[in-house]
C-alpha atoms as a PDB file:
ATOM      1  CA  UNK A   1     130.107 168.677 152.431  1.00  0.00           C
ATOM      2  CA  UNK A   2     133.276 169.682 150.618  1.00  0.00           C
ATOM      3  CA  UNK A   3     131.911 173.153 149.969  1.00  0.00           C
ATOM      4  CA  UNK A   4     130.824 173.686 153.571  1.00  0.00           C
ATOM      5  CA  UNK A   5     134.240 172.600 154.747  1.00  0.00           C
ATOM      6  CA  UNK A   6     136.096 174.820 152.272  1.00  0.00           C
ATOM      7  CA  UNK A   7     133.941 177.846 153.173  1.00  0.00           C
ATOM      8  CA  UNK A   8     135.236 177.559 156.714  1.00  0.00           C
ATOM      9  CA  UNK A   9     138.856 177.138 155.587  1.00  0.00           C
ATOM     10  CA  UNK A  10     138.974 173.615 156.994  1.00  0.00           C
ATOM     11  CA  UNK A  11     139.967 170.307 155.495  1.00  0.00           C
ATOM     12  CA  UNK A  12     137.771 167.240 155.641  1.00  0.00           C
ATOM     13  CA  UNK A  13     140.410 165.680 157.896  1.00  0.00           C
ATOM     14  CA  UNK A  14     140.098 168.566 160.361  1.00  0.00           C
ATOM     15  CA  UNK A  15     136.297 168.286 160.416  1.00  0.00           C
ATOM     16  CA  UNK A  16     136.544 164.515 160.942  1.00  0.00           C
ATOM     17  CA  UNK A  17     138.885 164.995 163.892  1.00  0.00           C
ATOM     18  CA  UNK A  18     136.870 167.812 165.453  1.00  0.00           C
ATOM     19  CA  UNK A  19     133.592 165.938 165.087  1.00  0.00           C
ATOM     20  CA  UNK A  20     134.913 162.586 166.240  1.00  0.00           C
ATOM     21  CA  UNK A  21     133.987 160.900 162.989  1.00  0.00           C
ATOM     22  CA  UNK A  22     135.350 157.723 161.528  1.00  0.00           C
ATOM     23  CA  UNK A  23     137.483 158.512 158.466  1.00  0.00           C
ATOM     24  CA  UNK A  24     136.081 155.493 156.594  1.00  0.00           C
ATOM     25  CA  UNK A  25     132.519 156.715 157.130  1.00  0.00           C
ATOM     26  CA  UNK A  26     133.267 160.134 155.676  1.00  0.00           C
ATOM     27  CA  UNK A  27     135.243 158.613 152.836  1.00  0.00           C
ATOM     28  CA  UNK A  28     132.245 156.492 151.854  1.00  0.00           C
ATOM     29  CA  UNK A  29     129.971 159.524 152.022  1.00  0.00           C
ATOM     30  CA  UNK A  30     132.307 161.698 149.989  1.00  0.00           C
ATOM     31  CA  UNK A  31     132.733 158.999 147.339  1.00  0.00           C
ATOM     32  CA  UNK A  32     129.003 158.366 147.059  1.00  0.00           C
ATOM     33  CA  UNK A  33     129.080 154.805 148.372  1.00  0.00           C
ATOM     34  CA  UNK A  34     126.786 155.770 151.258  1.00  0.00           C
ATOM     35  CA  UNK A  35     123.603 157.409 150.055  1.00  0.00           C
ATOM     36  CA  UNK A  36     121.688 157.680 153.334  1.00  0.00           C
ATOM     37  CA  UNK A  37     123.901 158.706 156.264  1.00  0.00           C
ATOM     38  CA  UNK A  38     122.657 158.387 159.806  1.00  0.00           C
ATOM     39  CA  UNK A  39     121.585 161.599 161.473  1.00  0.00           C
ATOM     40  CA  UNK A  40     124.257 160.950 164.122  1.00  0.00           C
ATOM     41  CA  UNK A  41     126.905 161.041 161.382  1.00  0.00           C
ATOM     42  CA  UNK A  42     125.572 164.329 160.059  1.00  0.00           C
ATOM     43  CA  UNK A  43     125.481 165.690 163.618  1.00  0.00           C
ATOM     44  CA  UNK A  44     129.146 164.803 164.120  1.00  0.00           C
ATOM     45  CA  UNK A  45     129.999 166.458 160.818  1.00  0.00           C
ATOM     46  CA  UNK A  46     128.135 169.565 161.963  1.00  0.00           C
ATOM     47  CA  UNK A  47     129.979 169.446 165.285  1.00  0.00           C
ATOM     48  CA  UNK A  48     133.253 169.396 163.366  1.00  0.00           C
ATOM     49  CA  UNK A  49     132.152 172.471 161.433  1.00  0.00           C
ATOM     50  CA  UNK A  50     130.778 174.115 164.570  1.00  0.00           C
ATOM     51  CA  UNK A  51     127.327 174.505 163.036  1.00  0.00           C
ATOM     52  CA  UNK A  52     123.903 173.204 164.016  1.00  0.00           C
ATOM     53  CA  UNK A  53     121.865 170.607 162.169  1.00  0.00           C
ATOM     54  CA  UNK A  54     119.457 173.433 161.313  1.00  0.00           C
ATOM     55  CA  UNK A  55     122.316 175.417 159.758  1.00  0.00           C
ATOM     56  CA  UNK A  56     123.305 172.360 157.741  1.00  0.00           C
ATOM     57  CA  UNK A  57     119.825 171.618 156.403  1.00  0.00           C
ATOM     58  CA  UNK A  58     118.928 175.291 155.915  1.00  0.00           C
ATOM     59  CA  UNK A  59     121.845 175.657 153.529  1.00  0.00           C
ATOM     60  CA  UNK A  60     120.868 176.834 150.036  1.00  0.00           C
ATOM     61  CA  UNK A  61     122.281 173.603 148.553  1.00  0.00           C
ATOM     62  CA  UNK A  62     119.248 171.712 149.833  1.00  0.00           C
ATOM     63  CA  UNK A  63     116.797 173.896 147.927  1.00  0.00           C
END
């Protein structure tokens, strides 16, 4: 998530705001306290990055 954000010259805070995410939710994800995020959370993250879920999961990091 950090890499995807940095590649787009955005901060996590900007993605959170753009996607309408809860800061605590992202914080738990980023710190590894949440291992299985809801698809709706990932969708909001993608919205904040202006990418699709397909773009997210097709990323080379998942291979």
